[in-house]
């Protein structure tokens, strides 16, 4: 026979519960880089750890949750002045200064369109070969990671047999006249610019 106290406990909906928030917290296990693993603080969140180490949790930047007050600035437009006579090197330089989709229209004194220069997206090879200006590390951890990356093994990218044969034909036919290579519709089927052809030829000649 149950006592009155047992009956009361059975009817009661209030039960003593243990705090389980810590048990349900997502634990991040670092299994990759040894430097990050040694400096990881398990008491902090992933975002807090990355901020402490001087790293970015995402390359895409903030997707929400932050607001920045930007001062109102008047829009300024500047009309570009382009000389009438441009070399192929100068045109290539202007293209690189423009973003993909942007363009400059060159007109004569009467307002007639002479040339339209459109910015082009960089090729995969150009992005890989592009020199990146050094950025000063903000934390000791970042400096250690940069030193580790600098001492890592880098495999040199070699030109394929098809590309070397193609460049050899261009050099045999035009020598170092890269402008003539540019206008060669038979060999320059991919419509590389004179600057791109020069870079490929120089790389080819370095390994001969």
Protein backbone atom coordinates (compact mmCIF):
# COMPACT_ATOMS: atom_id res chain seq x y z
CA UNK A 1 0.00 0.00 0.00
CA UNK A 2 1.45 3.35 -1.05
CA UNK A 3 1.98 6.06 1.49
CA UNK A 4 0.51 9.57 0.97
CA UNK A 5 4.00 10.89 0.16
CA UNK A 6 4.48 8.26 -2.59
CA UNK A 7 1.07 9.07 -4.07
CA UNK A 8 1.90 12.77 -4.13
CA UNK A 9 5.24 12.11 -5.87
CA UNK A 10 3.51 9.92 -8.42
CA UNK A 11 0.97 12.64 -9.26
CA UNK A 12 3.54 15.44 -9.42
CA UNK A 13 4.70 16.50 -12.91
CA UNK A 14 7.75 18.35 -11.62
CA UNK A 15 10.84 16.15 -11.65
CA UNK A 16 14.40 16.94 -10.84
CA UNK A 17 16.41 17.09 -14.11
CA UNK A 18 20.14 17.33 -14.65
CA UNK A 19 21.65 20.09 -16.72
CA UNK A 20 22.32 18.58 -20.14
CA UNK A 21 23.33 21.66 -22.15
CA UNK A 22 27.01 20.78 -22.00
CA UNK A 23 26.28 17.22 -23.11
CA UNK A 24 24.49 18.47 -26.23
CA UNK A 25 27.12 21.07 -27.15
CA UNK A 26 28.83 20.25 -30.42
CA UNK A 27 32.44 19.29 -29.77
CA UNK A 28 34.98 20.19 -32.47
CA UNK A 29 37.77 17.65 -32.83
CA UNK A 30 40.89 18.96 -34.55
CA UNK A 31 42.56 16.20 -36.53
CA UNK A 32 44.39 18.23 -39.18
CA UNK A 33 47.10 20.81 -38.65
CA UNK A 34 49.25 20.25 -35.54
CA UNK A 35 49.76 24.00 -34.91
CA UNK A 36 46.02 24.68 -34.83
CA UNK A 37 45.42 21.60 -32.70
CA UNK A 38 48.00 22.70 -30.11
CA UNK A 39 46.45 26.17 -29.79
CA UNK A 40 42.77 25.16 -29.92
CA UNK A 41 40.65 26.15 -26.88
CA UNK A 42 37.88 23.61 -26.29
CA UNK A 43 35.98 26.09 -24.13
CA UNK A 44 35.45 28.42 -27.10
CA UNK A 45 33.23 28.03 -30.14
CA UNK A 46 34.66 27.38 -33.58
CA UNK A 47 34.17 31.03 -34.60
CA UNK A 48 35.78 32.30 -31.38
CA UNK A 49 38.76 29.98 -31.83
CA UNK A 50 39.32 31.14 -35.40
CA UNK A 51 39.14 34.79 -34.31
CA UNK A 52 41.67 34.14 -31.52
CA UNK A 53 44.05 32.37 -33.91
CA UNK A 54 43.72 35.15 -36.50
CA UNK A 55 41.96 32.97 -39.08
CA UNK A 56 38.72 33.24 -41.02
CA UNK A 57 36.02 30.60 -40.43
CA UNK A 58 34.78 31.09 -44.00
CA UNK A 59 36.32 32.51 -47.18
CA UNK A 60 32.89 33.85 -48.19
CA UNK A 61 32.85 36.41 -45.38
CA UNK A 62 29.88 37.28 -43.18
CA UNK A 63 26.50 35.93 -44.29
CA UNK A 64 24.51 37.80 -41.64
CA UNK A 65 24.33 38.81 -38.02
CA UNK A 66 26.60 41.84 -38.30
CA UNK A 67 25.90 45.39 -39.35
CA UNK A 68 28.36 48.07 -40.33
CA UNK A 69 27.58 51.75 -40.48
CA UNK A 70 29.07 53.08 -43.68
CA UNK A 71 29.25 56.86 -44.18
CA UNK A 72 27.39 58.21 -47.17
CA UNK A 73 29.85 59.07 -49.91
CA UNK A 74 29.02 60.82 -53.17
CA UNK A 75 29.51 58.69 -56.23
CA UNK A 76 32.42 59.82 -58.36
CA UNK A 77 32.82 59.01 -62.01
CA UNK A 78 35.92 59.72 -63.99
CA UNK A 79 36.03 59.71 -67.73
CA UNK A 80 39.01 57.70 -68.95
CA UNK A 81 41.29 59.21 -71.57
CA UNK A 82 42.64 56.66 -74.07
CA UNK A 83 45.24 57.58 -76.68
CA UNK A 84 44.23 56.91 -80.28
CA UNK A 85 47.17 54.64 -81.09
CA UNK A 86 47.57 51.68 -78.74
CA UNK A 87 50.01 48.81 -78.90
CA UNK A 88 48.94 45.25 -78.16
CA UNK A 89 50.80 45.43 -74.83
CA UNK A 90 48.91 48.61 -73.85
CA UNK A 91 45.55 47.05 -74.74
CA UNK A 92 46.41 44.01 -72.63
CA UNK A 93 47.36 46.28 -69.71
CA UNK A 94 44.03 48.12 -69.93
CA UNK A 95 42.14 44.81 -70.06
CA UNK A 96 43.84 43.69 -66.85
CA UNK A 97 42.84 46.93 -65.11
CA UNK A 98 39.16 46.23 -65.88
CA UNK A 99 36.98 43.73 -64.08
CA UNK A 100 35.09 41.06 -66.08
CA UNK A 101 32.09 42.72 -67.72
CA UNK A 102 33.53 46.25 -67.56
CA UNK A 103 34.59 48.02 -70.71
CA UNK A 104 36.04 51.20 -72.17
CA UNK A 105 34.87 52.73 -75.43
CA UNK A 106 37.40 54.65 -77.49
CA UNK A 107 35.97 57.30 -79.81
CA UNK A 108 37.47 59.67 -82.34
CA UNK A 109 37.04 63.45 -82.37
CA UNK A 110 33.68 63.10 -84.13
CA UNK A 111 32.31 60.65 -81.57
CA UNK A 112 32.63 57.53 -83.71
CA UNK A 113 33.56 54.31 -81.91
CA UNK A 114 37.12 53.23 -82.73
CA UNK A 115 37.65 50.40 -80.28
CA UNK A 116 35.88 48.69 -77.39
CA UNK A 117 38.16 47.25 -74.70
CA UNK A 118 36.41 44.74 -72.43
CA UNK A 119 37.78 43.30 -69.20
CA UNK A 120 38.33 39.55 -69.31
CA UNK A 121 38.24 36.96 -66.55
CA UNK A 122 41.68 35.60 -65.71
CA UNK A 123 42.47 32.09 -66.85
CA UNK A 124 43.33 29.34 -64.38
CA UNK A 125 47.01 29.47 -65.38
CA UNK A 126 47.17 33.25 -64.95
CA UNK A 127 45.67 33.03 -61.46
CA UNK A 128 48.21 30.37 -60.45
CA UNK A 129 51.15 32.30 -61.90
CA UNK A 130 50.06 35.67 -60.48
CA UNK A 131 52.29 37.10 -57.78
CA UNK A 132 50.36 37.77 -54.58
CA UNK A 133 51.60 40.72 -52.49
CA UNK A 134 52.67 39.61 -48.99
CA UNK A 135 50.33 40.41 -46.10
CA UNK A 136 51.72 40.89 -42.60
CA UNK A 137 50.54 38.16 -40.22
CA UNK A 138 48.38 39.40 -37.34
CA UNK A 139 49.15 36.62 -34.86
CA UNK A 140 52.06 34.30 -34.03
CA UNK A 141 49.89 31.33 -35.03
CA UNK A 142 49.41 32.74 -38.52
CA UNK A 143 53.17 33.35 -38.81
CA UNK A 144 53.85 29.73 -37.85
CA UNK A 145 51.32 28.51 -40.42
CA UNK A 146 52.88 30.72 -43.12
CA UNK A 147 56.36 29.36 -42.34
CA UNK A 148 55.01 25.82 -42.49
CA UNK A 149 53.38 26.49 -45.86
CA UNK A 150 56.54 28.18 -47.23
CA UNK A 151 58.66 25.15 -46.33
CA UNK A 152 56.19 22.68 -47.82
CA UNK A 153 57.01 20.86 -51.05
CA UNK A 154 55.76 22.71 -54.16
CA UNK A 155 55.44 20.77 -57.38
CA UNK A 156 56.31 22.75 -60.49
CA UNK A 157 53.63 22.82 -63.14
CA UNK A 158 55.01 21.57 -66.47
CA UNK A 159 53.66 22.26 -69.92
CA UNK A 160 52.01 19.33 -71.64
CA UNK A 161 53.49 17.66 -74.73
CA UNK A 162 50.68 19.12 -76.83
CA UNK A 163 51.40 22.64 -75.58
CA UNK A 164 55.17 22.37 -76.10
CA UNK A 165 54.67 21.13 -79.68
CA UNK A 166 52.24 23.98 -80.34
CA UNK A 167 54.60 26.63 -78.90
CA UNK A 168 57.51 25.20 -80.89
CA UNK A 169 55.52 25.63 -84.10
CA UNK A 170 54.76 29.24 -83.19
CA UNK A 171 58.42 30.01 -82.43
CA UNK A 172 59.65 28.24 -85.59
CA UNK A 173 57.24 30.30 -87.66
CA UNK A 174 57.35 33.72 -85.99
CA UNK A 175 60.46 33.77 -83.77
CA UNK A 176 59.83 36.29 -80.98
CA UNK A 177 57.20 38.27 -82.90
CA UNK A 178 54.34 37.74 -80.46
CA UNK A 179 52.07 40.14 -82.29
CA UNK A 180 52.37 37.99 -85.42
CA UNK A 181 51.60 34.93 -83.27
CA UNK A 182 48.49 36.71 -82.01
CA UNK A 183 47.21 37.30 -85.55
CA UNK A 184 48.04 33.76 -86.72
CA UNK A 185 44.55 32.28 -87.10
CA UNK A 186 45.91 28.89 -88.13
CA UNK A 187 48.05 28.27 -85.01
CA UNK A 188 46.50 30.61 -82.44
CA UNK A 189 43.18 28.76 -82.49
CA UNK A 190 42.49 29.53 -78.82
CA UNK A 191 42.93 33.28 -79.48
CA UNK A 192 45.56 33.85 -76.80
CA UNK A 193 46.71 37.46 -76.46
CA UNK A 194 50.25 38.53 -77.34
CA UNK A 195 51.12 38.83 -73.65
CA UNK A 196 49.84 35.30 -72.93
CA UNK A 197 51.77 33.89 -75.88
CA UNK A 198 54.94 35.66 -74.73
CA UNK A 199 54.61 34.17 -71.26
CA UNK A 200 54.08 30.65 -72.61
CA UNK A 201 57.02 30.96 -75.02
CA UNK A 202 59.36 32.24 -72.30
CA UNK A 203 58.38 29.35 -70.05
CA UNK A 204 58.99 26.92 -72.92
CA UNK A 205 62.43 28.40 -73.70
CA UNK A 206 63.52 28.23 -70.04
CA UNK A 207 63.28 24.43 -70.14
CA UNK A 208 65.10 23.96 -73.45
